[in-house]
Amino acid sequence: MGKKPAVVLVFSAAVFAAVPAQALGSVSFESGRGNDKTDMWRVGWQWESRKKWLARGNWYVGAYWDLQLGTWITNQGKSIVDVGLTPVFRLQQATPSAWSPYMEAAIGFHNISDTRVNASRVTSTHFQYGDHLGAGVRFGGGRYDTSVRLQHLSNGGLERSNPGINYVQLRVQYHFQ
């Protein structure tokens, strides 16, 4: 790992450690399809922040940490392990309704087990930035959540080559509270 990703990871760990300890708030499962017919699935664990930003009427921006473990399965049958930590910002309702829509955006950090996705897609680093945009709905008294996400992973130009990979994902989430 180069110097820049190491600094980013140390800084992120410090920020994460500085956040007051909170109980696990939810779990998730997501599946998607990316470039070169690369399939992916992930399980995740989320810790929600109690802070509310930009509150206007019944809407505010909230945040949560998303820790994920998953795999990419390439069109050649190869598996690549993906571990990620992402702070996610979500525009959501302050007083949820029966079907509460939301939008979210995030930029996080991923580590993949292999830099060779397939013969034509080779990343130069195991470290990858992962950003996504998503839209979804929370329902069932706030216990359930489903969304569609567009995610891009790449090394952000830290080294060449940097082909990146894009995914369309479907995600379900169960909230404990």
Protein backbone atom coordinates (compact mmCIF):
# COMPACT_ATOMS: atom_id res chain seq x y z
CA MET A 1 0.00 0.00 0.00
CA GLY A 2 1.32 3.42 -0.88
CA LYS A 3 1.78 6.33 1.51
CA LYS A 4 -1.46 8.19 0.63
CA PRO A 5 -3.85 5.25 1.25
CA ALA A 6 -2.07 4.48 4.54
CA VAL A 7 -2.55 8.07 5.73
CA VAL A 8 -6.23 7.99 4.70
CA LEU A 9 -6.79 4.70 6.53
CA VAL A 10 -5.06 5.91 9.71
CA PHE A 11 -7.09 9.14 9.64
CA SER A 12 -10.33 7.20 9.08
CA ALA A 13 -9.54 4.82 11.93
CA ALA A 14 -8.89 7.79 14.23
CA VAL A 15 -12.21 9.40 13.27
CA PHE A 16 -14.01 6.08 13.69
CA ALA A 17 -12.41 5.55 17.13
CA ALA A 18 -13.37 9.08 18.20
CA VAL A 19 -17.06 8.47 17.50
CA PRO A 20 -18.83 7.48 20.73
CA ALA A 21 -19.39 3.74 20.92
CA GLN A 22 -22.90 2.85 19.87
CA ALA A 23 -24.73 -0.41 19.53
CA LEU A 24 -25.08 -2.09 16.17
CA GLY A 25 -28.11 -0.49 14.53
CA SER A 26 -28.75 -2.66 11.47
CA VAL A 27 -27.54 -5.39 9.15
CA SER A 28 -27.72 -5.47 5.36
CA PHE A 29 -27.34 -7.67 2.31
CA GLU A 30 -26.66 -6.38 -1.18
CA SER A 31 -26.12 -7.93 -4.55
CA GLY A 32 -25.20 -6.39 -7.85
CA ARG A 33 -23.79 -6.66 -11.34
CA GLY A 34 -20.83 -4.69 -12.61
CA ASN A 35 -18.59 -4.19 -15.61
CA ASP A 36 -17.53 -7.31 -17.53
CA LYS A 37 -20.48 -9.24 -16.02
CA THR A 38 -18.83 -9.19 -12.59
CA ASP A 39 -21.36 -10.15 -9.92
CA MET A 40 -21.01 -9.08 -6.30
CA TRP A 41 -22.65 -9.67 -2.95
CA ARG A 42 -21.95 -8.22 0.47
CA VAL A 43 -23.16 -8.40 4.05
CA GLY A 44 -22.89 -5.27 6.16
CA TRP A 45 -23.18 -3.95 9.67
CA GLN A 46 -24.25 -0.37 10.33
CA TRP A 47 -23.86 2.07 13.23
CA GLU A 48 -26.04 5.17 12.99
CA SER A 49 -25.00 8.63 14.18
CA ARG A 50 -27.48 10.60 16.25
CA LYS A 51 -26.45 13.90 14.62
CA LYS A 52 -28.89 15.67 12.29
CA TRP A 53 -27.63 18.15 9.72
CA LEU A 54 -29.49 20.58 7.45
CA ALA A 55 -32.86 19.99 9.14
CA ARG A 56 -35.66 21.57 7.08
CA GLY A 57 -39.30 20.78 7.84
CA ASN A 58 -39.65 17.00 8.05
CA TRP A 59 -36.28 16.31 6.37
CA TYR A 60 -32.68 16.15 7.59
CA VAL A 61 -29.33 14.64 6.65
CA GLY A 62 -28.27 11.79 8.92
CA ALA A 63 -25.22 9.56 8.77
CA TYR A 64 -24.12 6.02 9.52
CA TRP A 65 -20.99 3.89 9.31
CA ASP A 66 -21.23 0.86 7.03
CA LEU A 67 -18.75 -2.01 7.55
CA GLN A 68 -19.01 -4.59 4.74
CA LEU A 69 -17.60 -7.95 3.76
CA GLY A 70 -18.29 -9.40 0.35
CA THR A 71 -17.04 -11.00 -2.81
CA TRP A 72 -16.87 -10.23 -6.50
CA ILE A 73 -17.38 -13.18 -8.84
CA THR A 74 -15.87 -12.48 -12.24
CA ASN A 75 -17.11 -13.66 -15.61
CA GLN A 76 -14.27 -16.22 -15.44
CA GLY A 77 -15.50 -17.68 -12.12
CA LYS A 78 -12.79 -16.06 -10.01
CA SER A 79 -13.67 -14.74 -6.51
CA ILE A 80 -12.23 -11.53 -5.07
CA VAL A 81 -12.83 -10.68 -1.40
CA ASP A 82 -13.89 -7.07 -0.70
CA VAL A 83 -13.76 -5.44 2.77
CA GLY A 84 -15.08 -1.90 3.09
CA LEU A 85 -15.70 0.86 5.62
CA THR A 86 -17.87 3.74 4.46
CA PRO A 87 -19.44 6.78 6.10
CA VAL A 88 -22.86 7.21 4.46
CA PHE A 89 -24.96 10.40 4.42
CA ARG A 90 -28.71 10.00 4.03
CA LEU A 91 -31.43 12.59 3.31
CA GLN A 92 -34.39 11.19 5.25
CA GLN A 93 -37.61 12.08 7.05
CA ALA A 94 -37.49 13.23 10.67
CA THR A 95 -40.94 11.75 11.30
CA PRO A 96 -41.13 8.57 9.23
CA SER A 97 -44.32 7.63 7.44
CA ALA A 98 -45.47 4.10 6.54
CA TRP A 99 -43.24 4.28 3.43
CA SER A 100 -40.40 6.73 4.01
CA PRO A 101 -38.29 7.52 0.93
CA TYR A 102 -34.64 8.56 1.20
CA MET A 103 -31.57 9.35 -0.89
CA GLU A 104 -27.98 8.71 0.13
CA ALA A 105 -24.41 9.34 -0.95
CA ALA A 106 -21.08 8.05 0.32
CA ILE A 107 -17.35 7.81 -0.26
CA GLY A 108 -15.51 5.08 1.62
CA PHE A 109 -12.55 2.75 1.61
CA HIS A 110 -12.25 -0.82 0.32
CA ASN A 111 -9.53 -3.41 0.24
CA ILE A 112 -9.75 -6.14 -2.41
CA SER A 113 -7.87 -9.43 -2.25
CA ASP A 114 -6.67 -9.42 -5.87
CA THR A 115 -5.86 -6.66 -8.32
CA ARG A 116 -6.58 -8.80 -11.41
CA VAL A 117 -10.35 -8.77 -11.91
CA ASN A 118 -10.07 -10.44 -15.34
CA ALA A 119 -7.78 -10.41 -18.37
CA SER A 120 -8.81 -6.90 -19.41
CA ARG A 121 -9.44 -5.25 -16.00
CA VAL A 122 -6.42 -5.00 -13.69
CA THR A 123 -6.26 -2.47 -10.87
CA SER A 124 -2.85 -1.37 -9.66
CA THR A 125 -3.73 -1.35 -5.94
CA HIS A 126 -5.65 -3.47 -3.46
CA PHE A 127 -6.84 -0.21 -1.87
CA GLN A 128 -9.92 1.19 -3.60
CA TYR A 129 -12.20 4.13 -2.93
CA GLY A 130 -15.87 3.22 -3.14
CA ASP A 131 -18.50 5.87 -3.75
CA HIS A 132 -22.18 5.38 -4.27
CA LEU A 133 -25.47 7.17 -4.86
CA GLY A 134 -28.67 5.45 -3.81
CA ALA A 135 -32.39 5.85 -3.35
CA GLY A 136 -34.72 3.71 -1.31
CA VAL A 137 -37.61 3.39 1.06
CA ARG A 138 -37.88 2.45 4.73
CA PHE A 139 -41.07 0.61 5.77
CA GLY A 140 -42.56 -1.86 8.26
CA GLY A 141 -42.51 0.59 11.15
CA GLY A 142 -38.96 1.57 10.21
CA ARG A 143 -37.58 -1.95 10.61
CA TYR A 144 -37.02 -2.67 6.90
CA ASP A 145 -35.25 -0.81 4.17
CA THR A 146 -34.70 -1.49 0.47
CA SER A 147 -32.72 0.51 -2.04
CA VAL A 148 -31.03 0.68 -5.43
CA ARG A 149 -27.44 1.95 -5.58
CA LEU A 150 -24.96 2.91 -8.25
CA GLN A 151 -21.42 2.27 -6.99
CA HIS A 152 -18.01 3.08 -8.46
CA LEU A 153 -14.78 1.60 -7.09
CA SER A 154 -11.31 2.73 -8.16
CA ASN A 155 -8.00 3.76 -6.65
CA GLY A 156 -8.80 7.40 -7.34
CA GLY A 157 -5.75 7.85 -9.56
CA LEU A 158 -3.25 6.97 -6.80
CA GLU A 159 -1.46 4.68 -9.26
CA ARG A 160 -1.80 3.56 -12.86
CA SER A 161 -3.65 1.59 -14.08
CA ASN A 162 -6.97 2.69 -12.67
CA PRO A 163 -9.77 1.10 -14.72
CA GLY A 164 -12.30 1.15 -11.87
CA ILE A 165 -15.47 -0.90 -11.79
CA ASN A 166 -19.12 0.16 -11.65
CA TYR A 167 -21.99 -1.77 -10.05
CA VAL A 168 -25.76 -1.53 -10.00
CA GLN A 169 -26.87 -2.94 -6.65
CA LEU A 170 -30.04 -3.99 -4.88
CA ARG A 171 -29.85 -3.76 -1.09
CA VAL A 172 -32.07 -4.85 1.80
CA GLN A 173 -31.47 -3.77 5.38
CA TYR A 174 -32.97 -4.77 8.76
CA HIS A 175 -32.96 -2.18 11.56
CA PHE A 176 -32.94 -3.41 15.16
CA GLN A 177 -34.66 -0.29 16.53
